[in-house]
Amino acid sequence: MNGIAINKISNEIKALVFGAVFDVLNDPDYGLNLSAQVKKRLSAPLKGKTVSLTQIKKKYL
């Protein structure tokens, strides 16, 4: 790889890392724990009708 390509990749990596750190630090829920009730609701099977990704694509794309 030449110096320009390495520099470009390096800058892209820096931008990705910066974006990830920025997202974490700006997340108002970072560091909070889920309550037992919320964990139970998230792990419970869905009740009612679900929509497949294929159906959503047909409708909106």
Protein backbone atom coordinates (compact mmCIF):
# COMPACT_ATOMS: atom_id res chain seq x y z
CA MET A 1 0.00 0.00 0.00
CA ASN A 2 1.19 3.46 -0.69
CA GLY A 3 1.30 6.23 1.89
CA ILE A 4 -1.85 7.93 0.60
CA ALA A 5 -3.94 4.75 0.90
CA ILE A 6 -2.65 4.05 4.40
CA ASN A 7 -3.36 7.64 5.44
CA LYS A 8 -6.90 7.41 4.03
CA ILE A 9 -7.60 4.14 5.87
CA SER A 10 -6.14 5.59 9.06
CA ASN A 11 -8.40 8.63 8.82
CA GLU A 12 -11.44 6.42 8.19
CA ILE A 13 -10.62 4.29 11.24
CA LYS A 14 -10.18 7.40 13.37
CA ALA A 15 -13.57 8.71 12.19
CA LEU A 16 -15.28 5.39 13.01
CA VAL A 17 -13.74 5.21 16.47
CA PHE A 18 -14.58 8.85 17.15
CA GLY A 19 -18.19 8.24 16.06
CA ALA A 20 -18.52 5.20 18.31
CA VAL A 21 -17.10 7.00 21.35
CA PHE A 22 -19.28 10.03 20.62
CA ASP A 23 -22.39 7.83 20.47
CA VAL A 24 -21.57 6.17 23.80
CA LEU A 25 -20.81 9.41 25.59
CA ASN A 26 -23.96 11.09 24.28
CA ASP A 27 -26.28 8.19 25.13
CA PRO A 28 -28.46 9.40 28.03
CA ASP A 29 -29.09 5.79 29.07
CA TYR A 30 -25.41 4.77 29.17
CA GLY A 31 -24.57 3.09 32.44
CA LEU A 32 -28.18 2.55 33.49
CA ASN A 33 -29.42 -0.95 34.22
CA LEU A 34 -32.68 -2.44 33.03
CA SER A 35 -35.17 -3.34 35.73
CA ALA A 36 -36.16 -6.98 36.19
CA GLN A 37 -39.62 -6.17 34.81
CA VAL A 38 -38.20 -4.71 31.60
CA LYS A 39 -35.83 -7.65 31.13
CA LYS A 40 -38.78 -10.01 31.52
CA ARG A 41 -40.82 -8.10 28.91
CA LEU A 42 -37.92 -8.08 26.45
CA SER A 43 -37.33 -11.81 26.77
CA ALA A 44 -41.04 -12.72 26.51
CA PRO A 45 -42.36 -13.90 23.15
CA LEU A 46 -44.19 -11.33 21.07
CA LYS A 47 -47.95 -11.37 21.35
CA GLY A 48 -49.94 -10.49 18.29
CA LYS A 49 -49.07 -10.21 14.65
CA THR A 50 -45.50 -9.66 13.52
CA VAL A 51 -44.43 -8.35 10.13
CA SER A 52 -41.61 -9.91 8.16
CA LEU A 53 -38.80 -7.87 6.64
CA THR A 54 -39.98 -8.97 3.19
CA GLN A 55 -43.44 -7.51 3.82
CA ILE A 56 -41.95 -4.22 5.01
CA LYS A 57 -39.73 -4.01 1.92
CA LYS A 58 -42.71 -4.62 -0.36
CA LYS A 59 -44.67 -1.88 1.34
CA TYR A 60 -41.99 0.81 1.54
CA LEU A 61 -39.46 0.08 -1.23
